[in-house]
Amino acid sequence: MRSVKEGRPRPDAGGTYRDPNAAHSASLSHMFLTLWRHRALITRMARRDVVGRYKGSIVGVAWSFLNPLVMLAVYTFVFGVVFKARWGVTTSESRADFAIVLFVGLIVHALFADCVNRAPGLITSNVNFVKKVVFPLEVLPGVVLGSALFHAAVSICVLLLAMLANGNSIHASVAFVPAVIAPLLLWALGIGWLLASLGVFLRDIAQLTTILTTIMLFLAPVFFPISSMPVGFRPLIQLNPLTFIIEQMRIVLMEGRQPDWTGYAIYFSISVVVAWIGFWWFQRTRRGFADVL
């Protein structure tokens, strides 16, 4: 009988035994199963990530409320006051109306950008999980996503309060917000898995992601409607994965209508494929992490 020192598999965070040298499943069913199986671990680590981000600060977690408000004020001043941009929601559109429409786009972009920008350093900043502990590394992008979701939820609450303060109605269609955001979460997970793996082998990835997410901000209908773009550039805006979600969020939050379910079904299907590709790549390359680190 083999002893532990002779190579007996150790239990992972989920309490099951696994061989660290064994191949890792990359099937679509395993992708969803591993997220469900480790949901408690993901929740605990996401909570710790949120608390740790503000640890030692005087204001603490209240920064999660202040940050979106400050950024909203800056963007509103620059685009609404300096450049006098208007969205065209109503003929008598005020700066507050413009700010609310703008804020919806900023929330969606911030959720996605937070996950993508942090993904390349997930493995390199948790070397102990790779070398010393049998740990389900595939949950790390889920932890970052959980933290980003918390901040997005706070921002949405701030948005709803701003709408009430501005005299806007809160429609029953607000209940569709989780469904609208769900496909974007799959995009974030898929790209997170991909970048987390590439970040181990190509350290320059971390520098590129910040540039790319900034480009995505300005190539999405955040500061302007798609109708204001030249016809030749509109397909480029439509290719941005943020575009559809931003538009559907504005429909359910501000117009009181249901999402475009046909477009949603297509977008959701693409999201599942993107998530699976990222997961497949991560599972196929993770055995080389320890050698590089």
C-alpha atoms as a PDB file:
ATOM      1  CA  MET A   1       0.000   0.000   0.000  1.00  0.00           C
ATOM      2  CA  ARG A   2       1.349   3.440  -0.962  1.00  0.00           C
ATOM      3  CA  SER A   3       1.876   6.039   1.705  1.00  0.00           C
ATOM      4  CA  VAL A   4       1.021   9.685   1.328  1.00  0.00           C
ATOM      5  CA  LYS A   5       4.683  10.516   0.717  1.00  0.00           C
ATOM      6  CA  GLU A   6       4.750   8.007  -2.136  1.00  0.00           C
ATOM      7  CA  GLY A   7       2.199   9.970  -4.081  1.00  0.00           C
ATOM      8  CA  ARG A   8      -1.259   9.392  -2.681  1.00  0.00           C
ATOM      9  CA  PRO A   9      -3.587  12.017  -4.179  1.00  0.00           C
ATOM     10  CA  ARG A  10      -4.602  14.744  -1.773  1.00  0.00           C
ATOM     11  CA  PRO A  11      -8.148  16.058  -1.421  1.00  0.00           C
ATOM     12  CA  ASP A  12      -8.935  19.255  -3.291  1.00  0.00           C
ATOM     13  CA  ALA A  13     -11.021  22.162  -2.006  1.00  0.00           C
ATOM     14  CA  GLY A  14     -14.179  20.250  -2.819  1.00  0.00           C
ATOM     15  CA  GLY A  15     -13.161  17.310  -0.620  1.00  0.00           C
ATOM     16  CA  THR A  16     -12.510  14.885  -3.476  1.00  0.00           C
ATOM     17  CA  TYR A  17      -9.214  13.196  -4.291  1.00  0.00           C
ATOM     18  CA  ARG A  18      -7.453  13.939  -7.534  1.00  0.00           C
ATOM     19  CA  ASP A  19      -4.104  13.097  -9.073  1.00  0.00           C
ATOM     20  CA  PRO A  20      -2.218  16.340  -9.842  1.00  0.00           C
ATOM     21  CA  ASN A  21      -0.620  14.661 -12.865  1.00  0.00           C
ATOM     22  CA  ALA A  22      -3.875  13.408 -14.298  1.00  0.00           C
ATOM     23  CA  ALA A  23      -5.478  14.984 -17.340  1.00  0.00           C
ATOM     24  CA  HIS A  24      -8.203  17.490 -16.559  1.00  0.00           C
ATOM     25  CA  SER A  25     -11.580  17.211 -18.194  1.00  0.00           C
ATOM     26  CA  ALA A  26     -12.398  20.037 -20.603  1.00  0.00           C
ATOM     27  CA  SER A  27     -15.936  19.005 -21.541  1.00  0.00           C
ATOM     28  CA  LEU A  28     -18.787  21.492 -21.611  1.00  0.00           C
ATOM     29  CA  SER A  29     -20.658  19.607 -18.896  1.00  0.00           C
ATOM     30  CA  HIS A  30     -17.583  19.596 -16.654  1.00  0.00           C
ATOM     31  CA  MET A  31     -17.244  23.368 -17.115  1.00  0.00           C
ATOM     32  CA  PHE A  32     -20.677  24.001 -15.626  1.00  0.00           C
ATOM     33  CA  LEU A  33     -20.326  21.183 -13.107  1.00  0.00           C
ATOM     34  CA  THR A  34     -17.073  22.489 -11.656  1.00  0.00           C
ATOM     35  CA  LEU A  35     -18.560  25.963 -11.174  1.00  0.00           C
ATOM     36  CA  TRP A  36     -21.579  24.492  -9.428  1.00  0.00           C
ATOM     37  CA  ARG A  37     -19.553  22.051  -7.341  1.00  0.00           C
ATOM     38  CA  HIS A  38     -17.235  24.789  -6.061  1.00  0.00           C
ATOM     39  CA  ARG A  39     -19.872  27.510  -5.727  1.00  0.00           C
ATOM     40  CA  ALA A  40     -19.343  27.796  -1.955  1.00  0.00           C
ATOM     41  CA  LEU A  41     -15.583  28.156  -2.399  1.00  0.00           C
ATOM     42  CA  ILE A  42     -16.055  30.769  -5.132  1.00  0.00           C
ATOM     43  CA  THR A  43     -18.456  32.739  -2.927  1.00  0.00           C
ATOM     44  CA  ARG A  44     -16.099  32.712   0.068  1.00  0.00           C
ATOM     45  CA  MET A  45     -13.096  33.752  -1.988  1.00  0.00           C
ATOM     46  CA  ALA A  46     -15.054  36.461  -3.810  1.00  0.00           C
ATOM     47  CA  ARG A  47     -16.210  37.874  -0.477  1.00  0.00           C
ATOM     48  CA  ARG A  48     -12.637  37.862   0.777  1.00  0.00           C
ATOM     49  CA  ASP A  49     -11.497  39.558  -2.427  1.00  0.00           C
ATOM     50  CA  VAL A  50     -14.034  42.361  -1.994  1.00  0.00           C
ATOM     51  CA  VAL A  51     -13.127  42.919   1.658  1.00  0.00           C
ATOM     52  CA  GLY A  52      -9.407  42.681   0.937  1.00  0.00           C
ATOM     53  CA  ARG A  53      -9.620  45.286  -1.798  1.00  0.00           C
ATOM     54  CA  TYR A  54     -10.700  47.934   0.713  1.00  0.00           C
ATOM     55  CA  LYS A  55      -8.822  46.630   3.743  1.00  0.00           C
ATOM     56  CA  GLY A  56      -7.069  49.405   5.628  1.00  0.00           C
ATOM     57  CA  SER A  57      -8.965  52.232   3.927  1.00  0.00           C
ATOM     58  CA  ILE A  58     -10.916  54.696   6.034  1.00  0.00           C
ATOM     59  CA  VAL A  59     -14.095  54.542   3.970  1.00  0.00           C
ATOM     60  CA  GLY A  60     -13.878  50.780   3.455  1.00  0.00           C
ATOM     61  CA  VAL A  61     -16.446  48.997   1.304  1.00  0.00           C
ATOM     62  CA  ALA A  62     -18.241  52.326   0.819  1.00  0.00           C
ATOM     63  CA  TRP A  63     -15.712  52.933  -1.954  1.00  0.00           C
ATOM     64  CA  SER A  64     -17.761  50.490  -4.024  1.00  0.00           C
ATOM     65  CA  PHE A  65     -20.492  53.174  -3.964  1.00  0.00           C
ATOM     66  CA  LEU A  66     -18.175  56.149  -4.355  1.00  0.00           C
ATOM     67  CA  ASN A  67     -16.079  54.871  -7.259  1.00  0.00           C
ATOM     68  CA  PRO A  68     -18.927  54.625  -9.794  1.00  0.00           C
ATOM     69  CA  LEU A  69     -20.316  57.969  -8.653  1.00  0.00           C
ATOM     70  CA  VAL A  70     -16.963  59.707  -9.124  1.00  0.00           C
ATOM     71  CA  MET A  71     -16.389  58.172 -12.557  1.00  0.00           C
ATOM     72  CA  LEU A  72     -19.956  59.039 -13.565  1.00  0.00           C
ATOM     73  CA  ALA A  73     -19.416  62.653 -12.528  1.00  0.00           C
ATOM     74  CA  VAL A  74     -16.156  62.876 -14.491  1.00  0.00           C
ATOM     75  CA  TYR A  75     -17.550  61.345 -17.692  1.00  0.00           C
ATOM     76  CA  THR A  76     -20.739  63.400 -17.452  1.00  0.00           C
ATOM     77  CA  PHE A  77     -18.728  66.599 -17.087  1.00  0.00           C
ATOM     78  CA  VAL A  78     -16.404  65.778 -19.979  1.00  0.00           C
ATOM     79  CA  PHE A  79     -19.022  64.559 -22.443  1.00  0.00           C
ATOM     80  CA  GLY A  80     -22.113  66.368 -21.206  1.00  0.00           C
ATOM     81  CA  VAL A  81     -20.641  69.766 -20.310  1.00  0.00           C
ATOM     82  CA  VAL A  82     -17.386  70.134 -22.237  1.00  0.00           C
ATOM     83  CA  PHE A  83     -18.360  68.319 -25.456  1.00  0.00           C
ATOM     84  CA  LYS A  84     -22.105  68.956 -24.962  1.00  0.00           C
ATOM     85  CA  ALA A  85     -22.941  65.431 -26.070  1.00  0.00           C
ATOM     86  CA  ARG A  86     -26.594  64.394 -26.085  1.00  0.00           C
ATOM     87  CA  TRP A  87     -28.199  60.981 -26.340  1.00  0.00           C
ATOM     88  CA  GLY A  88     -31.492  62.047 -27.841  1.00  0.00           C
ATOM     89  CA  VAL A  89     -33.704  60.145 -25.396  1.00  0.00           C
ATOM     90  CA  THR A  90     -36.132  63.055 -25.256  1.00  0.00           C
ATOM     91  CA  THR A  91     -36.352  66.460 -26.939  1.00  0.00           C
ATOM     92  CA  SER A  92     -35.699  68.113 -23.580  1.00  0.00           C
ATOM     93  CA  GLU A  93     -32.895  65.795 -22.475  1.00  0.00           C
ATOM     94  CA  SER A  94     -31.140  67.069 -19.371  1.00  0.00           C
ATOM     95  CA  ARG A  95     -27.635  66.350 -18.162  1.00  0.00           C
ATOM     96  CA  ALA A  96     -29.142  63.985 -15.600  1.00  0.00           C
ATOM     97  CA  ASP A  97     -30.863  62.019 -18.388  1.00  0.00           C
ATOM     98  CA  PHE A  98     -27.595  61.822 -20.284  1.00  0.00           C
ATOM     99  CA  ALA A  99     -25.758  60.729 -17.129  1.00  0.00           C
ATOM    100  CA  ILE A 100     -28.216  57.895 -16.471  1.00  0.00           C
ATOM    101  CA  VAL A 101     -27.979  56.552 -20.017  1.00  0.00           C
ATOM    102  CA  LEU A 102     -24.199  56.848 -19.850  1.00  0.00           C
ATOM    103  CA  PHE A 103     -24.055  55.080 -16.486  1.00  0.00           C
ATOM    104  CA  VAL A 104     -25.729  51.942 -17.871  1.00  0.00           C
ATOM    105  CA  GLY A 105     -22.947  51.513 -20.410  1.00  0.00           C
ATOM    106  CA  LEU A 106     -20.255  52.191 -17.834  1.00  0.00           C
ATOM    107  CA  ILE A 107     -21.646  49.508 -15.506  1.00  0.00           C
ATOM    108  CA  VAL A 108     -21.570  46.855 -18.226  1.00  0.00           C
ATOM    109  CA  HIS A 109     -18.067  47.813 -19.340  1.00  0.00           C
ATOM    110  CA  ALA A 110     -16.719  47.927 -15.769  1.00  0.00           C
ATOM    111  CA  LEU A 111     -18.045  44.437 -15.040  1.00  0.00           C
ATOM    112  CA  PHE A 112     -16.368  42.992 -18.117  1.00  0.00           C
ATOM    113  CA  ALA A 113     -13.145  45.020 -17.892  1.00  0.00           C
ATOM    114  CA  ASP A 114     -12.583  44.135 -14.221  1.00  0.00           C
ATOM    115  CA  CYS A 115     -12.646  40.409 -15.044  1.00  0.00           C
ATOM    116  CA  VAL A 116     -10.516  40.689 -18.180  1.00  0.00           C
ATOM    117  CA  ASN A 117      -7.868  43.035 -16.772  1.00  0.00           C
ATOM    118  CA  ARG A 118      -7.279  40.877 -13.696  1.00  0.00           C
ATOM    119  CA  ALA A 119      -7.295  37.547 -15.539  1.00  0.00           C
ATOM    120  CA  PRO A 120      -3.647  37.479 -16.777  1.00  0.00           C
ATOM    121  CA  GLY A 121      -2.313  37.652 -13.208  1.00  0.00           C
ATOM    122  CA  LEU A 122      -4.623  35.111 -11.611  1.00  0.00           C
ATOM    123  CA  ILE A 123      -2.205  32.187 -11.782  1.00  0.00           C
ATOM    124  CA  THR A 124       1.072  34.095 -11.393  1.00  0.00           C
ATOM    125  CA  SER A 125      -0.235  35.804  -8.245  1.00  0.00           C
ATOM    126  CA  ASN A 126      -1.362  32.498  -6.722  1.00  0.00           C
ATOM    127  CA  VAL A 127       1.732  30.361  -7.194  1.00  0.00           C
ATOM    128  CA  ASN A 128       1.089  28.443  -3.962  1.00  0.00           C
ATOM    129  CA  PHE A 129      -2.152  27.116  -5.406  1.00  0.00           C
ATOM    130  CA  VAL A 130      -0.185  25.712  -8.334  1.00  0.00           C
ATOM    131  CA  LYS A 131       2.851  24.230  -6.601  1.00  0.00           C
ATOM    132  CA  LYS A 132       1.943  23.397  -3.003  1.00  0.00           C
ATOM    133  CA  VAL A 133      -1.793  22.813  -2.838  1.00  0.00           C
ATOM    134  CA  VAL A 134      -4.109  20.599  -4.845  1.00  0.00           C
ATOM    135  CA  PHE A 135      -6.513  23.388  -5.674  1.00  0.00           C
ATOM    136  CA  PRO A 136      -9.189  23.731  -8.383  1.00  0.00           C
ATOM    137  CA  LEU A 137      -7.413  26.478 -10.335  1.00  0.00           C
ATOM    138  CA  GLU A 138     -10.302  26.732 -12.766  1.00  0.00           C
ATOM    139  CA  VAL A 139     -12.405  28.541 -10.136  1.00  0.00           C
ATOM    140  CA  LEU A 140     -10.100  31.584  -9.982  1.00  0.00           C
ATOM    141  CA  PRO A 141     -11.779  33.436 -12.891  1.00  0.00           C
ATOM    142  CA  GLY A 142     -15.077  32.707 -11.165  1.00  0.00           C
ATOM    143  CA  VAL A 143     -13.793  34.369  -7.989  1.00  0.00           C
ATOM    144  CA  VAL A 144     -12.888  37.534  -9.891  1.00  0.00           C
ATOM    145  CA  LEU A 145     -16.257  37.425 -11.631  1.00  0.00           C
ATOM    146  CA  GLY A 146     -18.021  37.170  -8.268  1.00  0.00           C
ATOM    147  CA  SER A 147     -16.169  40.236  -7.006  1.00  0.00           C
ATOM    148  CA  ALA A 148     -16.993  42.166 -10.190  1.00  0.00           C
ATOM    149  CA  LEU A 149     -20.645  41.139  -9.900  1.00  0.00           C
ATOM    150  CA  PHE A 150     -20.805  42.592  -6.394  1.00  0.00           C
ATOM    151  CA  HIS A 151     -19.566  45.955  -7.632  1.00  0.00           C
ATOM    152  CA  ALA A 152     -21.928  45.822 -10.617  1.00  0.00           C
ATOM    153  CA  ALA A 153     -24.864  45.125  -8.288  1.00  0.00           C
ATOM    154  CA  VAL A 154     -23.900  48.112  -6.142  1.00  0.00           C
ATOM    155  CA  SER A 155     -23.657  50.302  -9.249  1.00  0.00           C
ATOM    156  CA  ILE A 156     -27.077  49.157 -10.452  1.00  0.00           C
ATOM    157  CA  CYS A 157     -28.552  50.095  -7.074  1.00  0.00           C
ATOM    158  CA  VAL A 158     -26.939  53.530  -7.397  1.00  0.00           C
ATOM    159  CA  LEU A 159     -28.389  53.790 -10.920  1.00  0.00           C
ATOM    160  CA  LEU A 160     -31.911  52.970  -9.741  1.00  0.00           C
ATOM    161  CA  LEU A 161     -31.653  55.569  -6.969  1.00  0.00           C
ATOM    162  CA  ALA A 162     -30.448  58.131  -9.510  1.00  0.00           C
ATOM    163  CA  MET A 163     -33.396  57.299 -11.781  1.00  0.00           C
ATOM    164  CA  LEU A 164     -35.848  57.820  -8.918  1.00  0.00           C
ATOM    165  CA  ALA A 165     -34.168  61.086  -7.953  1.00  0.00           C
ATOM    166  CA  ASN A 166     -34.451  62.247 -11.574  1.00  0.00           C
ATOM    167  CA  GLY A 167     -38.141  61.448 -11.712  1.00  0.00           C
ATOM    168  CA  ASN A 168     -37.820  58.311 -13.857  1.00  0.00           C
ATOM    169  CA  SER A 169     -40.035  55.294 -13.283  1.00  0.00           C
ATOM    170  CA  ILE A 170     -38.651  51.913 -12.223  1.00  0.00           C
ATOM    171  CA  HIS A 171     -40.281  49.443 -14.611  1.00  0.00           C
ATOM    172  CA  ALA A 172     -41.144  45.836 -13.810  1.00  0.00           C
ATOM    173  CA  SER A 173     -38.771  44.842 -16.626  1.00  0.00           C
ATOM    174  CA  VAL A 174     -35.893  45.512 -14.217  1.00  0.00           C
ATOM    175  CA  ALA A 175     -36.409  41.865 -13.221  1.00  0.00           C
ATOM    176  CA  PHE A 176     -34.812  40.887 -16.562  1.00  0.00           C
ATOM    177  CA  VAL A 177     -31.475  42.469 -15.613  1.00  0.00           C
ATOM    178  CA  PRO A 178     -29.889  39.207 -14.280  1.00  0.00           C
ATOM    179  CA  ALA A 179     -30.947  37.372 -17.446  1.00  0.00           C
ATOM    180  CA  VAL A 180     -29.536  40.118 -19.669  1.00  0.00           C
ATOM    181  CA  ILE A 181     -26.186  40.089 -17.866  1.00  0.00           C
ATOM    182  CA  ALA A 182     -25.864  36.278 -17.754  1.00  0.00           C
ATOM    183  CA  PRO A 183     -24.385  35.806 -21.278  1.00  0.00           C
ATOM    184  CA  LEU A 184     -21.773  38.484 -20.590  1.00  0.00           C
ATOM    185  CA  LEU A 185     -20.688  36.508 -17.531  1.00  0.00           C
ATOM    186  CA  LEU A 186     -19.955  33.540 -19.780  1.00  0.00           C
ATOM    187  CA  TRP A 187     -17.911  35.809 -22.047  1.00  0.00           C
ATOM    188  CA  ALA A 188     -15.980  37.054 -19.019  1.00  0.00           C
ATOM    189  CA  LEU A 189     -15.344  33.523 -17.770  1.00  0.00           C
ATOM    190  CA  GLY A 190     -14.213  32.230 -21.150  1.00  0.00           C
ATOM    191  CA  ILE A 191     -11.833  35.100 -21.778  1.00  0.00           C
ATOM    192  CA  GLY A 192     -10.751  34.924 -18.137  1.00  0.00           C
ATOM    193  CA  TRP A 193      -9.741  31.277 -18.468  1.00  0.00           C
ATOM    194  CA  LEU A 194      -7.925  31.992 -21.718  1.00  0.00           C
ATOM    195  CA  LEU A 195      -6.008  35.010 -20.405  1.00  0.00           C
ATOM    196  CA  ALA A 196      -5.230  33.369 -17.063  1.00  0.00           C
ATOM    197  CA  SER A 197      -3.451  30.603 -18.947  1.00  0.00           C
ATOM    198  CA  LEU A 198      -1.725  32.881 -21.464  1.00  0.00           C
ATOM    199  CA  GLY A 199      -0.604  35.159 -18.634  1.00  0.00           C
ATOM    200  CA  VAL A 200       1.585  32.364 -17.286  1.00  0.00           C
ATOM    201  CA  PHE A 201       3.507  31.971 -20.525  1.00  0.00           C
ATOM    202  CA  LEU A 202       3.268  35.509 -21.969  1.00  0.00           C
ATOM    203  CA  ARG A 203       3.618  38.181 -19.279  1.00  0.00           C
ATOM    204  CA  ASP A 204       2.962  40.995 -21.792  1.00  0.00           C
ATOM    205  CA  ILE A 205      -0.683  39.916 -21.960  1.00  0.00           C
ATOM    206  CA  ALA A 206      -1.401  41.903 -18.790  1.00  0.00           C
ATOM    207  CA  GLN A 207      -0.339  45.121 -20.539  1.00  0.00           C
ATOM    208  CA  LEU A 208      -2.402  44.421 -23.637  1.00  0.00           C
ATOM    209  CA  THR A 209      -5.660  43.709 -21.832  1.00  0.00           C
ATOM    210  CA  THR A 210      -5.844  47.216 -20.358  1.00  0.00           C
ATOM    211  CA  ILE A 211      -5.428  48.711 -23.820  1.00  0.00           C
ATOM    212  CA  LEU A 212      -7.999  46.378 -25.361  1.00  0.00           C
ATOM    213  CA  THR A 213     -10.650  47.003 -22.700  1.00  0.00           C
ATOM    214  CA  THR A 214     -10.168  50.755 -23.148  1.00  0.00           C
ATOM    215  CA  ILE A 215     -10.646  50.364 -26.900  1.00  0.00           C
ATOM    216  CA  MET A 216     -13.779  48.326 -26.246  1.00  0.00           C
ATOM    217  CA  LEU A 217     -15.115  51.165 -24.081  1.00  0.00           C
ATOM    218  CA  PHE A 218     -14.942  53.642 -26.945  1.00  0.00           C
ATOM    219  CA  LEU A 219     -16.074  51.144 -29.576  1.00  0.00           C
ATOM    220  CA  ALA A 220     -19.305  50.429 -27.712  1.00  0.00           C
ATOM    221  CA  PRO A 221     -22.464  52.556 -27.435  1.00  0.00           C
ATOM    222  CA  VAL A 222     -21.445  53.908 -24.043  1.00  0.00           C
ATOM    223  CA  PHE A 223     -20.996  57.612 -24.852  1.00  0.00           C
ATOM    224  CA  PHE A 224     -23.047  57.704 -28.050  1.00  0.00           C
ATOM    225  CA  PRO A 225     -25.884  55.799 -29.755  1.00  0.00           C
ATOM    226  CA  ILE A 226     -25.034  53.509 -32.648  1.00  0.00           C
ATOM    227  CA  SER A 227     -27.230  55.636 -34.896  1.00  0.00           C
ATOM    228  CA  SER A 228     -24.772  58.521 -34.552  1.00  0.00           C
ATOM    229  CA  MET A 229     -21.937  56.467 -36.049  1.00  0.00           C
ATOM    230  CA  PRO A 230     -21.194  56.492 -39.787  1.00  0.00           C
ATOM    231  CA  VAL A 231     -22.907  53.548 -41.481  1.00  0.00           C
ATOM    232  CA  GLY A 232     -19.585  51.990 -42.480  1.00  0.00           C
ATOM    233  CA  PHE A 233     -18.415  51.758 -38.851  1.00  0.00           C
ATOM    234  CA  ARG A 234     -21.606  50.346 -37.356  1.00  0.00           C
ATOM    235  CA  PRO A 235     -20.719  46.673 -38.042  1.00  0.00           C
ATOM    236  CA  LEU A 236     -17.511  47.206 -36.051  1.00  0.00           C
ATOM    237  CA  ILE A 237     -19.525  48.480 -33.092  1.00  0.00           C
ATOM    238  CA  GLN A 238     -21.924  45.536 -33.392  1.00  0.00           C
ATOM    239  CA  LEU A 239     -19.014  43.082 -33.198  1.00  0.00           C
ATOM    240  CA  ASN A 240     -18.118  44.392 -29.760  1.00  0.00           C
ATOM    241  CA  PRO A 241     -19.504  41.827 -27.253  1.00  0.00           C
ATOM    242  CA  LEU A 242     -20.502  44.691 -24.948  1.00  0.00           C
ATOM    243  CA  THR A 243     -22.778  46.370 -27.494  1.00  0.00           C
ATOM    244  CA  PHE A 244     -25.713  43.962 -27.356  1.00  0.00           C
ATOM    245  CA  ILE A 245     -25.717  43.780 -23.547  1.00  0.00           C
ATOM    246  CA  ILE A 246     -25.544  47.563 -23.146  1.00  0.00           C
ATOM    247  CA  GLU A 247     -28.454  48.068 -25.512  1.00  0.00           C
ATOM    248  CA  GLN A 248     -30.573  45.380 -23.841  1.00  0.00           C
ATOM    249  CA  MET A 249     -29.803  46.782 -20.386  1.00  0.00           C
ATOM    250  CA  ARG A 250     -31.075  50.179 -21.477  1.00  0.00           C
ATOM    251  CA  ILE A 251     -34.204  48.595 -22.932  1.00  0.00           C
ATOM    252  CA  VAL A 252     -35.173  46.780 -19.722  1.00  0.00           C
ATOM    253  CA  LEU A 253     -34.069  49.513 -17.313  1.00  0.00           C
ATOM    254  CA  MET A 254     -35.133  52.678 -19.062  1.00  0.00           C
ATOM    255  CA  GLU A 255     -37.719  51.761 -21.684  1.00  0.00           C
ATOM    256  CA  GLY A 256     -39.604  49.153 -19.682  1.00  0.00           C
ATOM    257  CA  ARG A 257     -39.531  46.590 -22.482  1.00  0.00           C
ATOM    258  CA  GLN A 258     -38.462  42.961 -22.620  1.00  0.00           C
ATOM    259  CA  PRO A 259     -35.121  42.059 -24.204  1.00  0.00           C
ATOM    260  CA  ASP A 260     -34.800  41.039 -27.828  1.00  0.00           C
ATOM    261  CA  TRP A 261     -35.197  37.328 -27.150  1.00  0.00           C
ATOM    262  CA  THR A 262     -34.160  36.243 -30.655  1.00  0.00           C
ATOM    263  CA  GLY A 263     -30.937  38.201 -30.496  1.00  0.00           C
ATOM    264  CA  TYR A 264     -30.512  37.056 -26.913  1.00  0.00           C
ATOM    265  CA  ALA A 265     -30.688  33.386 -27.887  1.00  0.00           C
ATOM    266  CA  ILE A 266     -28.027  33.892 -30.566  1.00  0.00           C
ATOM    267  CA  TYR A 267     -25.807  35.890 -28.232  1.00  0.00           C
ATOM    268  CA  PHE A 268     -26.210  33.343 -25.429  1.00  0.00           C
ATOM    269  CA  SER A 269     -25.232  30.479 -27.748  1.00  0.00           C
ATOM    270  CA  ILE A 270     -22.093  32.334 -28.803  1.00  0.00           C
ATOM    271  CA  SER A 271     -21.324  33.040 -25.136  1.00  0.00           C
ATOM    272  CA  VAL A 272     -21.440  29.346 -24.265  1.00  0.00           C
ATOM    273  CA  VAL A 273     -19.017  28.580 -27.111  1.00  0.00           C
ATOM    274  CA  VAL A 274     -16.625  31.335 -25.986  1.00  0.00           C
ATOM    275  CA  ALA A 275     -16.723  30.090 -22.397  1.00  0.00           C
ATOM    276  CA  TRP A 276     -16.100  26.510 -23.497  1.00  0.00           C
ATOM    277  CA  ILE A 277     -13.153  27.474 -25.702  1.00  0.00           C
ATOM    278  CA  GLY A 278     -11.552  29.382 -22.830  1.00  0.00           C
ATOM    279  CA  PHE A 279     -12.171  26.522 -20.403  1.00  0.00           C
ATOM    280  CA  TRP A 280     -10.847  23.951 -22.865  1.00  0.00           C
ATOM    281  CA  TRP A 281      -7.649  25.946 -23.374  1.00  0.00           C
ATOM    282  CA  PHE A 282      -7.149  26.413 -19.636  1.00  0.00           C
ATOM    283  CA  GLN A 283      -7.620  22.722 -18.871  1.00  0.00           C
ATOM    284  CA  ARG A 284      -5.275  21.655 -21.676  1.00  0.00           C
ATOM    285  CA  THR A 285      -2.454  24.010 -20.665  1.00  0.00           C
ATOM    286  CA  ARG A 286      -2.657  23.972 -16.851  1.00  0.00           C
ATOM    287  CA  ARG A 287      -0.289  21.017 -16.513  1.00  0.00           C
ATOM    288  CA  GLY A 288       2.521  23.281 -17.687  1.00  0.00           C
ATOM    289  CA  PHE A 289       1.920  26.031 -15.138  1.00  0.00           C
ATOM    290  CA  ALA A 290       4.188  24.541 -12.461  1.00  0.00           C
ATOM    291  CA  ASP A 291       7.078  24.140 -14.912  1.00  0.00           C
ATOM    292  CA  VAL A 292       6.954  27.835 -15.878  1.00  0.00           C
ATOM    293  CA  LEU A 293       6.317  29.213 -12.410  1.00  0.00           C
END
